[in-house]
Amino acid sequence: MPFYHKLGKIPPKRHTQFKKPNGDFYYEQLFGTIGFDGMSTNSYHEQRPTQVKEIKRQYSVAPKIAKENNMQSYRFKGFQVKPENDYLESRKIVLTNSDCNIILAAPKHSTENYFYKNTDADELIFIHKGTGKLRTHLGNLDFKYGDYLLVPRGVIYKLDFDTEDNRLFIVESRRPIYTPKRYRNYFGQLLEHSPFCERDLRQPQELETYNESGEFLIK
């Protein structure tokens, strides 16, 4: 069932003037992944979210397919994936098709000197080992073993880990990730035979404002 969630101070009406205590304006942003037809978030910024100074070096992260049209069964020893210091470099695509990428990752360190957003796919991150905090421009969320983190495409985020011993199972989906229609009634509420319910879902509860001026890297 759709439910309304808010963090921080917001104006009583959408798309109206919203002023800071000093008289300056906050900048409103309507964020969604399917234009004006899908789910969306109305967020407010102290700095303009559209400011881009330059686009730096570009390179392909498309997977290189080792075996096309494979019919043979394989066993993947995922815990033998080599740990990497950098979060993005640790992500190893092991299976791919036109719908999704299956990724294994063993990052040792947090995304310390950059922010990240996946502009092509929704990400479902299963925490196989490790604890920490997911930081997004929509709020922060603590995570632990057994949690699934659903990050819609376009969301700017950082992953902060408590230790260097982390294991992630990631699905990059080129289609939006929703609860299956067969588990919802016509109001969108999860049905009794659904394997999960609204009580299993946690929203960001901590709003962390970044209001520092300067240059910041987004990958």
C-alpha atoms as a PDB file:
ATOM      1  CA  MET A   1       0.000   0.000   0.000  1.00  0.00           C
ATOM      2  CA  PRO A   2       1.425   3.416  -0.854  1.00  0.00           C
ATOM      3  CA  PHE A   3       2.291   5.324   2.305  1.00  0.00           C
ATOM      4  CA  TYR A   4       3.596   8.821   2.836  1.00  0.00           C
ATOM      5  CA  HIS A   5       6.968   9.283   4.505  1.00  0.00           C
ATOM      6  CA  LYS A   6       8.727  12.556   5.251  1.00  0.00           C
ATOM      7  CA  LEU A   7      11.954  13.686   6.888  1.00  0.00           C
ATOM      8  CA  GLY A   8      12.879  17.211   7.953  1.00  0.00           C
ATOM      9  CA  LYS A   9      10.935  20.409   7.369  1.00  0.00           C
ATOM     10  CA  ILE A  10       8.779  20.778   4.248  1.00  0.00           C
ATOM     11  CA  PRO A  11       6.249  23.411   3.115  1.00  0.00           C
ATOM     12  CA  PRO A  12       2.523  22.672   3.545  1.00  0.00           C
ATOM     13  CA  LYS A  13       1.945  22.720  -0.240  1.00  0.00           C
ATOM     14  CA  ARG A  14       3.991  21.355  -3.120  1.00  0.00           C
ATOM     15  CA  HIS A  15       5.633  23.600  -5.733  1.00  0.00           C
ATOM     16  CA  THR A  16       5.384  26.753  -3.619  1.00  0.00           C
ATOM     17  CA  GLN A  17       7.972  29.129  -2.224  1.00  0.00           C
ATOM     18  CA  PHE A  18       9.956  27.586   0.623  1.00  0.00           C
ATOM     19  CA  LYS A  19      12.329  29.974   2.349  1.00  0.00           C
ATOM     20  CA  LYS A  20      15.273  29.439   4.661  1.00  0.00           C
ATOM     21  CA  PRO A  21      15.419  31.320   7.990  1.00  0.00           C
ATOM     22  CA  ASN A  22      17.709  33.920   6.355  1.00  0.00           C
ATOM     23  CA  GLY A  23      15.213  34.597   3.567  1.00  0.00           C
ATOM     24  CA  ASP A  24      16.955  32.607   0.795  1.00  0.00           C
ATOM     25  CA  PHE A  25      15.062  29.889  -1.052  1.00  0.00           C
ATOM     26  CA  TYR A  26      15.355  26.129  -0.818  1.00  0.00           C
ATOM     27  CA  TYR A  27      15.491  24.374  -4.211  1.00  0.00           C
ATOM     28  CA  GLU A  28      12.710  21.892  -4.894  1.00  0.00           C
ATOM     29  CA  GLN A  29      13.356  18.700  -6.879  1.00  0.00           C
ATOM     30  CA  LEU A  30      10.741  16.177  -8.017  1.00  0.00           C
ATOM     31  CA  PHE A  31      12.631  12.888  -8.289  1.00  0.00           C
ATOM     32  CA  GLY A  32      11.198   9.827 -10.046  1.00  0.00           C
ATOM     33  CA  THR A  33      12.280   6.989 -12.330  1.00  0.00           C
ATOM     34  CA  ILE A  34       9.333   6.791 -14.763  1.00  0.00           C
ATOM     35  CA  GLY A  35       8.690  10.432 -15.583  1.00  0.00           C
ATOM     36  CA  PHE A  36       5.519  11.853 -14.014  1.00  0.00           C
ATOM     37  CA  ASP A  37       3.691   8.518 -14.237  1.00  0.00           C
ATOM     38  CA  GLY A  38       5.504   6.514 -11.567  1.00  0.00           C
ATOM     39  CA  MET A  39       6.397   6.843  -7.907  1.00  0.00           C
ATOM     40  CA  SER A  40       8.221  10.023  -7.004  1.00  0.00           C
ATOM     41  CA  THR A  41       9.833  11.912  -4.148  1.00  0.00           C
ATOM     42  CA  ASN A  42       9.576  15.658  -3.604  1.00  0.00           C
ATOM     43  CA  SER A  43      12.858  16.793  -2.037  1.00  0.00           C
ATOM     44  CA  TYR A  44      14.352  20.136  -1.068  1.00  0.00           C
ATOM     45  CA  HIS A  45      17.981  21.240  -1.360  1.00  0.00           C
ATOM     46  CA  GLU A  46      20.096  24.056   0.027  1.00  0.00           C
ATOM     47  CA  GLN A  47      22.154  24.095  -3.182  1.00  0.00           C
ATOM     48  CA  ARG A  48      20.885  23.580  -6.731  1.00  0.00           C
ATOM     49  CA  PRO A  49      21.018  19.817  -7.469  1.00  0.00           C
ATOM     50  CA  THR A  50      21.599  20.470 -11.186  1.00  0.00           C
ATOM     51  CA  GLN A  51      24.997  22.148 -10.828  1.00  0.00           C
ATOM     52  CA  VAL A  52      27.612  20.233 -12.856  1.00  0.00           C
ATOM     53  CA  LYS A  53      31.070  21.750 -13.360  1.00  0.00           C
ATOM     54  CA  GLU A  54      32.608  19.169 -15.710  1.00  0.00           C
ATOM     55  CA  ILE A  55      32.325  15.619 -17.000  1.00  0.00           C
ATOM     56  CA  LYS A  56      35.568  13.749 -16.498  1.00  0.00           C
ATOM     57  CA  ARG A  57      36.993  10.592 -18.061  1.00  0.00           C
ATOM     58  CA  GLN A  58      34.414   8.124 -19.326  1.00  0.00           C
ATOM     59  CA  TYR A  59      34.929   4.386 -19.697  1.00  0.00           C
ATOM     60  CA  SER A  60      32.776   1.329 -20.258  1.00  0.00           C
ATOM     61  CA  VAL A  61      31.668  -0.886 -17.363  1.00  0.00           C
ATOM     62  CA  ALA A  62      29.715  -3.260 -19.625  1.00  0.00           C
ATOM     63  CA  PRO A  63      30.421  -6.920 -18.797  1.00  0.00           C
ATOM     64  CA  LYS A  64      32.623  -8.953 -21.153  1.00  0.00           C
ATOM     65  CA  ILE A  65      30.740 -12.173 -21.834  1.00  0.00           C
ATOM     66  CA  ALA A  66      32.975 -15.231 -21.511  1.00  0.00           C
ATOM     67  CA  LYS A  67      30.467 -17.719 -22.945  1.00  0.00           C
ATOM     68  CA  GLU A  68      27.498 -16.823 -25.131  1.00  0.00           C
ATOM     69  CA  ASN A  69      24.264 -18.849 -25.079  1.00  0.00           C
ATOM     70  CA  ASN A  70      25.528 -21.102 -22.325  1.00  0.00           C
ATOM     71  CA  MET A  71      23.566 -24.303 -21.614  1.00  0.00           C
ATOM     72  CA  GLN A  72      26.003 -25.941 -19.195  1.00  0.00           C
ATOM     73  CA  SER A  73      25.528 -25.853 -15.425  1.00  0.00           C
ATOM     74  CA  TYR A  74      28.245 -24.200 -13.378  1.00  0.00           C
ATOM     75  CA  ARG A  75      29.007 -23.809  -9.702  1.00  0.00           C
ATOM     76  CA  PHE A  76      30.209 -20.355  -8.719  1.00  0.00           C
ATOM     77  CA  LYS A  77      32.322 -20.089  -5.569  1.00  0.00           C
ATOM     78  CA  GLY A  78      31.246 -16.593  -4.667  1.00  0.00           C
ATOM     79  CA  PHE A  79      33.197 -16.357  -1.424  1.00  0.00           C
ATOM     80  CA  GLN A  80      36.406 -16.703  -3.432  1.00  0.00           C
ATOM     81  CA  VAL A  81      35.826 -13.324  -5.094  1.00  0.00           C
ATOM     82  CA  LYS A  82      38.880 -11.262  -4.212  1.00  0.00           C
ATOM     83  CA  PRO A  83      38.259  -8.363  -1.786  1.00  0.00           C
ATOM     84  CA  GLU A  84      38.958  -4.893  -3.187  1.00  0.00           C
ATOM     85  CA  ASN A  85      39.533  -1.628  -1.370  1.00  0.00           C
ATOM     86  CA  ASP A  86      37.198   0.427  -3.568  1.00  0.00           C
ATOM     87  CA  TYR A  87      33.460  -0.286  -3.556  1.00  0.00           C
ATOM     88  CA  LEU A  88      32.937   0.080  -7.317  1.00  0.00           C
ATOM     89  CA  GLU A  89      36.076  -1.879  -8.240  1.00  0.00           C
ATOM     90  CA  SER A  90      34.955  -4.707  -5.954  1.00  0.00           C
ATOM     91  CA  ARG A  91      31.751  -5.265  -7.968  1.00  0.00           C
ATOM     92  CA  LYS A  92      32.289  -8.305 -10.246  1.00  0.00           C
ATOM     93  CA  ILE A  93      29.556  -9.200 -12.751  1.00  0.00           C
ATOM     94  CA  VAL A  94      29.327 -12.993 -12.872  1.00  0.00           C
ATOM     95  CA  LEU A  95      26.080 -13.421 -14.853  1.00  0.00           C
ATOM     96  CA  THR A  96      24.345 -11.100 -17.312  1.00  0.00           C
ATOM     97  CA  ASN A  97      21.441 -10.976 -19.743  1.00  0.00           C
ATOM     98  CA  SER A  98      19.192  -8.329 -21.279  1.00  0.00           C
ATOM     99  CA  ASP A  99      17.209  -7.947 -18.032  1.00  0.00           C
ATOM    100  CA  CYS A 100      19.781  -7.837 -15.257  1.00  0.00           C
ATOM    101  CA  ASN A 101      23.338  -8.268 -14.020  1.00  0.00           C
ATOM    102  CA  ILE A 102      24.233 -10.530 -11.100  1.00  0.00           C
ATOM    103  CA  ILE A 103      27.146  -9.032  -9.181  1.00  0.00           C
ATOM    104  CA  LEU A 104      29.326 -10.310  -6.338  1.00  0.00           C
ATOM    105  CA  ALA A 105      31.348  -7.847  -4.304  1.00  0.00           C
ATOM    106  CA  ALA A 106      33.715  -7.884  -1.338  1.00  0.00           C
ATOM    107  CA  PRO A 107      34.480  -4.198  -0.639  1.00  0.00           C
ATOM    108  CA  LYS A 108      36.941  -3.481   2.171  1.00  0.00           C
ATOM    109  CA  HIS A 109      36.369   0.254   2.432  1.00  0.00           C
ATOM    110  CA  SER A 110      33.518   2.705   2.162  1.00  0.00           C
ATOM    111  CA  THR A 111      32.896   5.094  -0.727  1.00  0.00           C
ATOM    112  CA  GLU A 112      34.977   7.746   1.013  1.00  0.00           C
ATOM    113  CA  ASN A 113      35.973  10.302  -1.622  1.00  0.00           C
ATOM    114  CA  TYR A 114      33.035  10.132  -4.035  1.00  0.00           C
ATOM    115  CA  PHE A 115      29.302   9.687  -4.348  1.00  0.00           C
ATOM    116  CA  TYR A 116      27.748   7.087  -6.653  1.00  0.00           C
ATOM    117  CA  LYS A 117      24.559   6.674  -8.636  1.00  0.00           C
ATOM    118  CA  ASN A 118      23.472   3.969 -11.056  1.00  0.00           C
ATOM    119  CA  THR A 119      21.730   5.751 -13.909  1.00  0.00           C
ATOM    120  CA  ASP A 120      20.831   2.585 -15.853  1.00  0.00           C
ATOM    121  CA  ALA A 121      19.367   0.146 -13.338  1.00  0.00           C
ATOM    122  CA  ASP A 122      17.674  -0.342  -9.986  1.00  0.00           C
ATOM    123  CA  GLU A 123      19.987  -2.041  -7.493  1.00  0.00           C
ATOM    124  CA  LEU A 124      18.999  -4.712  -4.991  1.00  0.00           C
ATOM    125  CA  ILE A 125      21.905  -5.236  -2.577  1.00  0.00           C
ATOM    126  CA  PHE A 126      21.816  -8.277  -0.284  1.00  0.00           C
ATOM    127  CA  ILE A 127      24.099  -8.015   2.744  1.00  0.00           C
ATOM    128  CA  HIS A 128      25.744 -11.431   2.991  1.00  0.00           C
ATOM    129  CA  LYS A 129      28.351 -10.232   5.477  1.00  0.00           C
ATOM    130  CA  GLY A 130      28.999  -6.908   7.158  1.00  0.00           C
ATOM    131  CA  THR A 131      27.237  -3.982   8.804  1.00  0.00           C
ATOM    132  CA  GLY A 132      27.143  -0.266   8.110  1.00  0.00           C
ATOM    133  CA  LYS A 133      25.063   2.638   6.883  1.00  0.00           C
ATOM    134  CA  LEU A 134      23.518   3.409   3.495  1.00  0.00           C
ATOM    135  CA  ARG A 135      23.626   7.171   2.929  1.00  0.00           C
ATOM    136  CA  THR A 136      21.385   8.627   0.200  1.00  0.00           C
ATOM    137  CA  HIS A 137      20.049  12.042  -0.755  1.00  0.00           C
ATOM    138  CA  LEU A 138      16.682  10.785   0.571  1.00  0.00           C
ATOM    139  CA  GLY A 139      17.964   9.809   4.029  1.00  0.00           C
ATOM    140  CA  ASN A 140      20.162   7.230   5.763  1.00  0.00           C
ATOM    141  CA  LEU A 141      19.484   3.608   6.674  1.00  0.00           C
ATOM    142  CA  ASP A 142      21.511   1.235   8.867  1.00  0.00           C
ATOM    143  CA  PHE A 143      22.065  -2.273   7.481  1.00  0.00           C
ATOM    144  CA  LYS A 144      23.229  -5.655   8.766  1.00  0.00           C
ATOM    145  CA  TYR A 145      23.487  -9.283   7.666  1.00  0.00           C
ATOM    146  CA  GLY A 146      20.344 -10.515   5.904  1.00  0.00           C
ATOM    147  CA  ASP A 147      19.087  -7.088   4.824  1.00  0.00           C
ATOM    148  CA  TYR A 148      18.090  -6.209   1.272  1.00  0.00           C
ATOM    149  CA  LEU A 149      18.833  -2.616   0.234  1.00  0.00           C
ATOM    150  CA  LEU A 150      16.687  -1.424  -2.675  1.00  0.00           C
ATOM    151  CA  VAL A 151      18.240   1.612  -4.384  1.00  0.00           C
ATOM    152  CA  PRO A 152      16.189   2.966  -7.319  1.00  0.00           C
ATOM    153  CA  ARG A 153      18.125   4.181 -10.353  1.00  0.00           C
ATOM    154  CA  GLY A 154      19.309   7.753 -10.138  1.00  0.00           C
ATOM    155  CA  VAL A 155      19.549   7.821  -6.338  1.00  0.00           C
ATOM    156  CA  ILE A 156      22.885   9.282  -5.215  1.00  0.00           C
ATOM    157  CA  TYR A 157      24.335   7.162  -2.427  1.00  0.00           C
ATOM    158  CA  LYS A 158      27.333   6.111  -0.354  1.00  0.00           C
ATOM    159  CA  LEU A 159      27.914   2.826   1.477  1.00  0.00           C
ATOM    160  CA  ASP A 160      29.782   3.128   4.772  1.00  0.00           C
ATOM    161  CA  PHE A 161      30.994  -0.166   6.275  1.00  0.00           C
ATOM    162  CA  ASP A 162      31.888  -0.756   9.912  1.00  0.00           C
ATOM    163  CA  THR A 163      34.713  -3.243   9.135  1.00  0.00           C
ATOM    164  CA  GLU A 164      36.715  -4.488   6.141  1.00  0.00           C
ATOM    165  CA  ASP A 165      35.000  -7.902   6.093  1.00  0.00           C
ATOM    166  CA  ASN A 166      32.011  -7.402   3.773  1.00  0.00           C
ATOM    167  CA  ARG A 167      30.249  -9.569   1.191  1.00  0.00           C
ATOM    168  CA  LEU A 168      27.465  -8.324  -1.096  1.00  0.00           C
ATOM    169  CA  PHE A 169      25.165  -9.980  -3.617  1.00  0.00           C
ATOM    170  CA  ILE A 170      23.852  -7.321  -6.020  1.00  0.00           C
ATOM    171  CA  VAL A 171      21.190  -7.465  -8.720  1.00  0.00           C
ATOM    172  CA  GLU A 172      21.200  -4.649 -11.276  1.00  0.00           C
ATOM    173  CA  SER A 173      17.725  -4.650 -12.833  1.00  0.00           C
ATOM    174  CA  ARG A 174      17.077  -2.703 -16.017  1.00  0.00           C
ATOM    175  CA  ARG A 175      13.375  -2.752 -15.164  1.00  0.00           C
ATOM    176  CA  PRO A 176      12.059  -1.088 -12.002  1.00  0.00           C
ATOM    177  CA  ILE A 177      11.943  -3.392  -8.969  1.00  0.00           C
ATOM    178  CA  TYR A 178       8.471  -3.564  -7.420  1.00  0.00           C
ATOM    179  CA  THR A 179       6.595  -6.012  -5.223  1.00  0.00           C
ATOM    180  CA  PRO A 180       4.984  -8.598  -7.569  1.00  0.00           C
ATOM    181  CA  LYS A 181       1.456  -7.696  -8.665  1.00  0.00           C
ATOM    182  CA  ARG A 182       0.115 -11.123  -7.614  1.00  0.00           C
ATOM    183  CA  TYR A 183       0.942 -10.242  -4.008  1.00  0.00           C
ATOM    184  CA  ARG A 184      -0.976  -6.909  -4.002  1.00  0.00           C
ATOM    185  CA  ASN A 185      -4.652  -6.031  -3.842  1.00  0.00           C
ATOM    186  CA  TYR A 186      -6.147  -3.231  -5.930  1.00  0.00           C
ATOM    187  CA  PHE A 187      -5.170  -0.674  -3.268  1.00  0.00           C
ATOM    188  CA  GLY A 188      -1.547  -1.843  -3.433  1.00  0.00           C
ATOM    189  CA  GLN A 189      -1.637  -3.474   0.014  1.00  0.00           C
ATOM    190  CA  LEU A 190       0.307  -6.726   0.327  1.00  0.00           C
ATOM    191  CA  LEU A 191      -1.987  -9.759   0.535  1.00  0.00           C
ATOM    192  CA  GLU A 192      -2.047 -12.446   3.211  1.00  0.00           C
ATOM    193  CA  HIS A 193      -0.281 -15.037   1.043  1.00  0.00           C
ATOM    194  CA  SER A 194       2.583 -12.665   0.257  1.00  0.00           C
ATOM    195  CA  PRO A 195       5.969 -13.930   1.582  1.00  0.00           C
ATOM    196  CA  PHE A 196       6.574 -10.454   3.049  1.00  0.00           C
ATOM    197  CA  CYS A 197       4.447  -7.611   4.385  1.00  0.00           C
ATOM    198  CA  GLU A 198       4.660  -3.888   5.088  1.00  0.00           C
ATOM    199  CA  ARG A 199       6.217  -4.590   8.506  1.00  0.00           C
ATOM    200  CA  ASP A 200       9.275  -6.014   6.758  1.00  0.00           C
ATOM    201  CA  LEU A 201       9.947  -2.715   4.963  1.00  0.00           C
ATOM    202  CA  ARG A 202      12.097  -0.021   6.572  1.00  0.00           C
ATOM    203  CA  GLN A 203      12.411   3.532   5.302  1.00  0.00           C
ATOM    204  CA  PRO A 204      15.303   5.945   5.861  1.00  0.00           C
ATOM    205  CA  GLN A 205      14.888   7.455   9.331  1.00  0.00           C
ATOM    206  CA  GLU A 206      17.929   9.732   9.521  1.00  0.00           C
ATOM    207  CA  LEU A 207      18.161  12.898   7.444  1.00  0.00           C
ATOM    208  CA  GLU A 208      21.733  14.086   6.947  1.00  0.00           C
ATOM    209  CA  THR A 209      22.066  17.449   5.223  1.00  0.00           C
ATOM    210  CA  TYR A 210      25.076  18.170   3.017  1.00  0.00           C
ATOM    211  CA  ASN A 211      25.244  21.953   2.695  1.00  0.00           C
ATOM    212  CA  GLU A 212      28.967  22.447   2.135  1.00  0.00           C
ATOM    213  CA  SER A 213      29.919  24.389  -0.996  1.00  0.00           C
ATOM    214  CA  GLY A 214      32.705  23.071  -3.195  1.00  0.00           C
ATOM    215  CA  GLU A 215      33.499  20.415  -5.794  1.00  0.00           C
ATOM    216  CA  PHE A 216      32.240  16.864  -5.225  1.00  0.00           C
ATOM    217  CA  LEU A 217      32.831  13.802  -7.379  1.00  0.00           C
ATOM    218  CA  ILE A 218      29.880  11.632  -8.456  1.00  0.00           C
ATOM    219  CA  LYS A 219      30.632   8.389 -10.256  1.00  0.00           C
END
